[in-house]
Protein backbone atom coordinates (compact mmCIF):
# COMPACT_ATOMS: atom_id res chain seq x y z
CA UNK A 1 -3.44 4.63 -4.71
CA UNK A 2 0.06 3.40 -3.77
CA UNK A 3 2.55 6.11 -2.96
CA UNK A 4 5.42 6.79 -5.37
CA UNK A 5 8.88 8.19 -4.66
CA UNK A 6 10.81 10.52 -6.97
CA UNK A 7 14.53 11.16 -6.55
CA UNK A 8 17.13 13.13 -8.48
CA UNK A 9 19.20 11.81 -11.39
CA UNK A 10 22.06 14.27 -10.98
CA UNK A 11 24.94 14.00 -13.43
CA UNK A 12 27.56 15.05 -10.86
CA UNK A 13 27.99 15.16 -7.08
CA UNK A 14 27.57 18.91 -6.56
CA UNK A 15 24.88 20.35 -4.28
CA UNK A 16 24.14 23.45 -2.24
CA UNK A 17 26.61 22.26 0.40
CA UNK A 18 29.56 21.47 -1.83
CA UNK A 19 30.94 22.10 -5.30
CA UNK A 20 31.10 19.18 -7.70
CA UNK A 21 34.31 17.16 -7.70
CA UNK A 22 34.42 16.46 -11.43
CA UNK A 23 32.84 17.44 -14.76
CA UNK A 24 29.23 18.54 -15.18
CA UNK A 25 28.47 15.18 -16.76
CA UNK A 26 30.22 12.39 -14.88
CA UNK A 27 29.07 9.13 -16.50
CA UNK A 28 30.19 6.91 -13.62
CA UNK A 29 28.56 9.03 -10.92
CA UNK A 30 25.38 9.37 -12.99
CA UNK A 31 24.92 5.60 -13.08
CA UNK A 32 25.99 5.05 -9.46
CA UNK A 33 23.36 7.53 -8.29
CA UNK A 34 20.64 6.08 -10.53
CA UNK A 35 21.41 2.54 -9.38
CA UNK A 36 21.39 3.65 -5.74
CA UNK A 37 17.84 4.92 -6.22
CA UNK A 38 16.73 1.74 -7.97
CA UNK A 39 18.35 -0.52 -5.36
CA UNK A 40 16.82 1.39 -2.44
CA UNK A 41 13.15 1.39 -3.39
CA UNK A 42 12.68 4.60 -5.38
CA UNK A 43 10.26 4.55 -8.32
CA UNK A 44 11.54 7.35 -10.54
CA UNK A 45 14.33 9.92 -10.84
CA UNK A 46 14.36 13.37 -12.44
CA UNK A 47 16.90 14.57 -14.98
CA UNK A 48 16.73 18.31 -14.33
CA UNK A 49 17.23 21.26 -16.68
CA UNK A 50 19.05 24.57 -16.64
CA UNK A 51 20.44 26.63 -19.50
CA UNK A 52 24.02 25.42 -19.09
CA UNK A 53 23.47 21.92 -17.74
CA UNK A 54 23.97 18.60 -19.55
CA UNK A 55 21.04 17.72 -21.78
CA UNK A 56 18.47 15.93 -19.57
CA UNK A 57 17.10 13.90 -22.48
CA UNK A 58 20.55 12.54 -23.32
CA UNK A 59 21.29 11.87 -19.64
CA UNK A 60 17.95 10.12 -19.23
CA UNK A 61 18.54 7.90 -22.27
CA UNK A 62 21.99 6.99 -20.90
CA UNK A 63 20.44 5.96 -17.59
CA UNK A 64 17.56 4.10 -19.21
CA UNK A 65 20.01 2.13 -21.35
CA UNK A 66 22.15 1.10 -18.36
CA UNK A 67 19.71 0.85 -15.42
CA UNK A 68 16.69 -1.43 -15.52
CA UNK A 69 13.55 -1.12 -13.39
CA UNK A 70 13.82 2.62 -12.82
CA UNK A 71 11.50 5.20 -14.35
CA UNK A 72 12.72 8.58 -15.62
CA UNK A 73 11.12 12.01 -15.33
CA UNK A 74 12.74 14.08 -18.08
CA UNK A 75 12.70 17.87 -17.74
CA UNK A 76 12.07 19.82 -20.93
CA UNK A 77 11.54 23.49 -21.76
CA UNK A 78 9.20 24.34 -24.66
CA UNK A 79 11.59 26.99 -25.98
CA UNK A 80 14.09 24.26 -26.86
CA UNK A 81 12.39 22.70 -29.86
CA UNK A 82 9.14 22.56 -31.75
CA UNK A 83 6.64 20.22 -30.06
CA UNK A 84 6.33 17.75 -32.95
CA UNK A 85 10.08 17.12 -32.80
CA UNK A 86 9.97 16.77 -29.00
CA UNK A 87 7.08 14.32 -29.30
CA UNK A 88 9.18 12.09 -31.57
CA UNK A 89 12.18 12.37 -29.25
CA UNK A 90 10.23 11.27 -26.19
CA UNK A 91 8.29 8.59 -28.07
CA UNK A 92 11.59 7.11 -29.24
CA UNK A 93 12.99 7.29 -25.71
CA UNK A 94 9.87 5.60 -24.34
CA UNK A 95 10.22 2.79 -26.88
CA UNK A 96 13.93 2.36 -26.09
CA UNK A 97 13.23 2.17 -22.35
CA UNK A 98 10.29 -0.20 -22.43
CA UNK A 99 7.81 2.49 -21.41
CA UNK A 100 9.60 4.18 -18.51
CA UNK A 101 9.41 7.87 -19.51
CA UNK A 102 7.44 10.77 -18.03
CA UNK A 103 8.02 14.31 -19.36
CA UNK A 104 8.25 17.29 -16.99
CA UNK A 105 7.39 20.44 -18.94
CA UNK A 106 9.10 23.58 -17.56
CA UNK A 107 7.70 26.96 -18.54
CA UNK A 108 10.55 28.92 -16.92
CA UNK A 109 10.15 31.32 -14.01
CA UNK A 110 13.11 33.63 -14.65
CA UNK A 111 13.27 36.01 -17.63
CA UNK A 112 17.06 36.14 -17.29
CA UNK A 113 17.49 32.36 -17.34
CA UNK A 114 15.15 32.01 -20.33
CA UNK A 115 16.99 34.75 -22.22
CA UNK A 116 20.24 32.78 -21.93
CA UNK A 117 18.84 30.52 -24.63
CA UNK A 118 17.16 33.26 -26.62
CA UNK A 119 13.66 33.01 -25.13
CA UNK A 120 12.23 36.55 -25.00
CA UNK A 121 8.56 35.83 -24.31
CA UNK A 122 6.93 37.30 -21.21
CA UNK A 123 5.99 34.92 -18.42
CA UNK A 124 2.30 34.89 -19.34
CA UNK A 125 3.21 34.30 -22.98
CA UNK A 126 5.43 31.41 -21.93
CA UNK A 127 2.53 29.77 -20.10
CA UNK A 128 0.36 30.17 -23.20
CA UNK A 129 3.07 28.49 -25.24
CA UNK A 130 3.41 25.70 -22.68
CA UNK A 131 -0.30 24.98 -22.83
CA UNK A 132 -0.19 24.64 -26.62
CA UNK A 133 2.98 22.56 -26.36
CA UNK A 134 1.38 20.06 -24.00
CA UNK A 135 -1.72 19.82 -26.17
CA UNK A 136 0.42 19.08 -29.22
CA UNK A 137 2.53 16.46 -27.41
CA UNK A 138 -0.60 14.57 -26.38
CA UNK A 139 -2.04 14.60 -29.88
CA UNK A 140 1.25 13.72 -31.55
CA UNK A 141 1.54 10.65 -29.33
CA UNK A 142 -2.03 9.43 -29.85
CA UNK A 143 -3.31 10.52 -33.28
CA UNK A 144 -2.78 8.05 -36.12
CA UNK A 145 -4.05 10.17 -38.99
CA UNK A 146 -2.48 13.37 -40.32
CA UNK A 147 -3.72 16.46 -38.50
CA UNK A 148 -3.36 20.23 -38.43
CA UNK A 149 -2.82 22.67 -35.58
CA UNK A 150 -3.33 26.42 -35.50
CA UNK A 151 -2.56 28.28 -32.29
CA UNK A 152 -0.98 31.51 -31.14
CA UNK A 153 2.49 29.98 -30.86
CA UNK A 154 2.46 26.95 -33.17
CA UNK A 155 0.86 26.16 -36.51
CA UNK A 156 1.43 23.24 -38.86
CA UNK A 157 -0.45 21.09 -41.35
CA UNK A 158 -0.64 17.41 -42.26
CA UNK A 159 1.57 16.08 -39.44
CA UNK A 160 1.54 12.49 -38.24
CA UNK A 161 4.25 10.78 -36.19
CA UNK A 162 5.44 7.39 -37.34
CA UNK A 163 7.15 6.56 -34.03
CA UNK A 164 4.81 5.71 -31.17
CA UNK A 165 5.49 5.66 -27.42
CA UNK A 166 5.31 2.23 -25.84
CA UNK A 167 3.02 3.43 -23.05
CA UNK A 168 -0.64 3.40 -23.90
CA UNK A 169 -2.18 5.76 -24.61
CA UNK A 170 0.90 7.96 -24.04
CA UNK A 171 3.54 9.02 -21.50
CA UNK A 172 2.36 11.23 -18.66
CA UNK A 173 3.04 14.96 -18.63
CA UNK A 174 4.26 16.56 -15.41
CA UNK A 175 4.13 20.30 -14.76
CA UNK A 176 4.82 22.71 -11.90
CA UNK A 177 4.18 26.31 -10.96
CA UNK A 178 2.54 28.50 -8.34
CA UNK A 179 1.24 31.53 -10.25
CA UNK A 180 -2.31 32.04 -11.49
CA UNK A 181 -1.16 31.37 -15.06
CA UNK A 182 0.59 28.19 -13.91
CA UNK A 183 -2.48 26.85 -12.12
CA UNK A 184 -4.62 27.49 -15.22
CA UNK A 185 -2.14 25.78 -17.55
CA UNK A 186 -1.30 22.79 -15.40
CA UNK A 187 -4.84 22.36 -14.17
CA UNK A 188 -5.99 22.08 -17.76
CA UNK A 189 -3.21 19.94 -19.25
CA UNK A 190 -1.02 18.15 -16.68
CA UNK A 191 -1.30 14.53 -15.61
CA UNK A 192 0.95 15.30 -12.62
CA UNK A 193 1.06 18.67 -10.87
CA UNK A 194 4.35 19.25 -9.04
CA UNK A 195 4.60 21.48 -5.96
CA UNK A 196 7.44 22.39 -3.63
CA UNK A 197 7.04 21.41 0.00
CA UNK A 198 5.11 23.90 2.11
CA UNK A 199 3.15 23.56 5.38
CA UNK A 200 0.19 21.20 5.18
CA UNK A 201 -2.39 24.00 5.18
CA UNK A 202 -0.60 25.84 2.36
CA UNK A 203 -0.27 22.64 0.34
CA UNK A 204 -3.98 21.96 0.79
CA UNK A 205 -4.70 25.48 -0.49
CA UNK A 206 -2.60 24.85 -3.59
CA UNK A 207 -4.27 21.50 -4.26
CA UNK A 208 -7.69 23.19 -4.06
CA UNK A 209 -6.52 25.79 -6.56
CA UNK A 210 -5.18 23.15 -8.96
CA UNK A 211 -8.42 21.18 -8.72
CA UNK A 212 -10.49 24.31 -9.33
CA UNK A 213 -8.42 25.12 -12.42
CA UNK A 214 -8.87 21.56 -13.69
CA UNK A 215 -12.63 21.72 -13.23
CA UNK A 216 -12.75 25.12 -14.92
CA UNK A 217 -11.05 23.52 -17.92
CA UNK A 218 -13.76 20.87 -18.05
CA UNK A 219 -11.77 18.04 -16.51
CA UNK A 220 -13.42 15.37 -14.38
CA UNK A 221 -10.18 13.56 -13.52
CA UNK A 222 -7.84 15.66 -11.40
CA UNK A 223 -4.05 15.82 -11.90
CA UNK A 224 -2.05 13.66 -9.52
CA UNK A 225 -0.18 15.78 -6.98
CA UNK A 226 3.56 15.61 -6.34
CA UNK A 227 5.30 17.46 -3.48
CA UNK A 228 9.07 17.85 -3.00
CA UNK A 229 11.23 18.11 0.13
CA UNK A 230 14.84 17.98 1.33
CA UNK A 231 15.02 15.32 4.07
CA UNK A 232 17.64 15.69 6.83
CA UNK A 233 17.77 12.52 8.94
CA UNK A 234 19.36 11.59 12.25
CA UNK A 235 19.33 8.55 14.52
CA UNK A 236 17.83 10.82 17.19
CA UNK A 237 15.88 14.07 16.94
CA UNK A 238 18.78 16.01 18.41
CA UNK A 239 21.21 14.44 15.94
CA UNK A 240 18.91 15.34 13.05
CA UNK A 241 18.68 18.97 14.15
CA UNK A 242 22.43 19.18 14.69
CA UNK A 243 22.87 17.92 11.12
CA UNK A 244 20.27 20.43 9.87
CA UNK A 245 22.05 23.43 11.36
CA UNK A 246 25.40 22.16 10.07
CA UNK A 247 23.84 21.85 6.60
CA UNK A 248 22.71 25.48 6.64
CA UNK A 249 26.13 26.56 7.88
CA UNK A 250 27.73 24.91 4.85
CA UNK A 251 25.20 26.55 2.53
CA UNK A 252 25.85 29.98 4.04
CA UNK A 253 29.59 29.41 3.80
CA UNK A 254 29.22 28.78 0.07
CA UNK A 255 26.95 31.80 -0.43
CA UNK A 256 29.08 34.02 1.82
CA UNK A 257 26.05 34.77 3.95
CA UNK A 258 23.73 35.30 1.00
CA UNK A 259 26.03 37.43 -1.14
CA UNK A 260 26.92 34.83 -3.81
CA UNK A 261 24.29 32.74 -5.64
CA UNK A 262 24.76 28.96 -5.61
CA UNK A 263 23.89 28.67 -9.30
CA UNK A 264 23.76 31.07 -12.23
CA UNK A 265 20.03 30.48 -12.69
CA UNK A 266 18.66 31.60 -9.31
CA UNK A 267 19.36 34.76 -7.35
CA UNK A 268 19.21 34.72 -3.56
CA UNK A 269 17.08 37.84 -3.18
CA UNK A 270 13.84 38.88 -4.88
CA UNK A 271 13.30 35.80 -7.06
CA UNK A 272 11.00 36.27 -10.05
CA UNK A 273 9.13 32.98 -9.86
CA UNK A 274 6.05 32.60 -7.68
CA UNK A 275 7.13 29.26 -6.20
CA UNK A 276 10.30 30.71 -4.68
CA UNK A 277 8.39 33.78 -3.49
CA UNK A 278 5.97 31.46 -1.68
CA UNK A 279 8.81 29.55 0.01
CA UNK A 280 10.39 32.78 1.26
CA UNK A 281 7.02 34.05 2.48
CA UNK A 282 6.54 30.86 4.48
CA UNK A 283 10.05 31.29 5.93
CA UNK A 284 9.11 34.80 7.08
CA UNK A 285 6.17 33.30 9.01
CA UNK A 286 8.40 30.91 10.94
CA UNK A 287 11.09 28.26 10.89
CA UNK A 288 9.14 25.14 11.88
CA UNK A 289 5.74 23.86 10.78
CA UNK A 290 3.71 20.71 11.37
CA UNK A 291 5.72 17.62 12.35
CA UNK A 292 9.05 18.29 10.69
CA UNK A 293 8.97 21.04 8.04
CA UNK A 294 11.90 23.45 8.38
CA UNK A 295 12.16 26.59 6.26
CA UNK A 296 15.69 27.75 7.08
CA UNK A 297 17.19 25.79 4.17
CA UNK A 298 14.83 27.57 1.77
CA UNK A 299 15.68 30.95 3.24
CA UNK A 300 19.43 30.24 2.94
CA UNK A 301 19.09 29.42 -0.77
CA UNK A 302 16.67 32.22 -1.66
CA UNK A 303 13.84 29.74 -2.13
CA UNK A 304 15.83 28.09 -4.89
CA UNK A 305 13.73 25.20 -6.14
CA UNK A 306 12.91 22.30 -3.86
CA UNK A 307 14.48 23.69 -0.69
CA UNK A 308 12.25 23.27 2.39
CA UNK A 309 13.51 20.46 4.62
CA UNK A 310 11.91 17.71 6.67
CA UNK A 311 14.07 17.20 9.76
CA UNK A 312 13.99 14.34 12.24
CA UNK A 313 14.45 10.65 12.75
CA UNK A 314 13.33 8.34 9.93
CA UNK A 315 10.13 7.71 11.90
CA UNK A 316 9.39 11.43 12.23
CA UNK A 317 10.09 12.19 8.57
CA UNK A 318 8.06 9.17 7.44
CA UNK A 319 5.10 10.28 9.55
CA UNK A 320 5.37 13.79 8.08
CA UNK A 321 5.33 12.38 4.55
CA UNK A 322 2.28 10.27 5.33
CA UNK A 323 0.53 13.47 6.43
CA UNK A 324 1.00 14.77 2.88
CA UNK A 325 -0.24 11.47 1.42
CA UNK A 326 -3.32 11.93 3.60
CA UNK A 327 -3.89 15.28 1.86
CA UNK A 328 -4.02 13.53 -1.50
CA UNK A 329 -0.35 13.74 -2.51
CA UNK A 330 0.46 10.66 -4.61
CA UNK A 331 4.13 11.30 -5.42
CA UNK A 332 6.70 12.26 -2.78
CA UNK A 333 9.85 13.84 -4.18
CA UNK A 334 13.00 14.02 -2.08
CA UNK A 335 16.71 14.63 -2.38
CA UNK A 336 19.36 15.22 0.23
CA UNK A 337 22.53 17.27 0.17
CA UNK A 338 24.98 14.36 -0.08
CA UNK A 339 23.08 13.03 -3.06
CA UNK A 340 24.32 9.44 -3.17
CA UNK A 341 24.55 8.68 0.54
CA UNK A 342 21.27 10.45 1.30
CA UNK A 343 19.41 8.61 -1.48
CA UNK A 344 20.57 5.31 0.00
CA UNK A 345 19.73 6.32 3.57
CA UNK A 346 16.29 7.67 2.70
CA UNK A 347 15.51 4.58 0.66
CA UNK A 348 16.68 2.27 3.40
CA UNK A 349 15.22 4.09 6.42
CA UNK A 350 12.19 6.11 5.28
CA UNK A 351 10.62 4.63 2.16
CA UNK A 352 9.72 1.27 3.75
CA UNK A 353 8.05 3.04 6.69
CA UNK A 354 5.94 5.22 4.41
CA UNK A 355 4.96 2.37 2.11
CA UNK A 356 3.96 0.20 5.08
CA UNK A 357 1.83 2.91 6.67
CA UNK A 358 0.17 3.85 3.37
CA UNK A 359 -0.64 0.18 2.72
CA UNK A 360 -2.15 -0.11 6.20
CA UNK A 361 -4.32 2.96 5.69
CA UNK A 362 -5.45 1.79 2.28
CA UNK A 363 -6.38 -1.62 3.69
CA UNK A 364 -8.45 0.13 6.36
CA UNK A 365 -10.14 2.31 3.76
CA UNK A 366 -8.89 5.45 5.50
CA UNK A 367 -10.21 8.59 3.73
CA UNK A 368 -7.69 10.96 2.21
CA UNK A 369 -7.81 14.31 0.47
CA UNK A 370 -7.66 17.99 1.38
CA UNK A 371 -10.83 17.77 3.48
CA UNK A 372 -9.05 15.43 5.93
CA UNK A 373 -6.87 18.34 7.09
CA UNK A 374 -9.84 20.34 8.43
CA UNK A 375 -11.29 17.18 9.94
CA UNK A 376 -8.09 16.26 11.78
């Protein structure tokens, strides 16, 4: 299967290394960044979600209306609206865009962040709600006769949506998480399972767990796997590492050595969510893994989201990404720290190398999957 690349559809130029220069939603920057991804070989960009951020659905629709030939991954939390309403929203968006929408369903890993918008369910209860939500979205997009639903979190009668998504049979659902409840939910319901970048062996372990959860739910087709990294490139290896250490210095300057969080949704110590706990545990084991994985960026941000880096020349980073494709990763997610310039550089220098090598391996019939790691 051809490799896909996911970038970030940020609505302003802020990142861990620098505060934004304008408003939270900067229309001009939003389109410049989206067009930079499209023009440099990316397949899809994510409009992300936090409690105080611009609405990702509105931002995605703005991009879709102004930028052709770019797919959107739209983040959405189930606590925001009832699933039948969300199904109509995303079906309308898919029709507007000509079938370019994927929905990323976020359960929420922080009780504090969820409570900011009135969500008081426990984490396990949130995963139960997410599972029902995803089931309802799928049915709302595909059923043509009125139907009922009765679950623990949602119940309704005689619903049928008049608006249909353009994609057939429906848009894909993306999902991420690293707890037992997450694996069970995403393994059962997700079309795409999103992971944060970890060493190859740890990623293989997670893929095995996702596949086992999918089989336990009766699935015969496994979710596609997506893995996310922060690339730091240089024309030489030494230049890349110099840039990497300078990047961490800027992060630590902003956090005052770990005393001040970079955002109001993620604390730097003792994170609640399992994904961040995993990243910090990997960082405790060491700084460098495999070809290019570097954990110091994750440690500096408290494991905040996609935060492990791949450091090196474009050739080194491309080879590292192909290693993950060999494991069975279909979608490679990446974003830099200078969002616009790094999206252009990565698209220009890395994406063509990865696509070429993947095409060569596919033409040769090279085996891929988690068993290739033990065989290597």
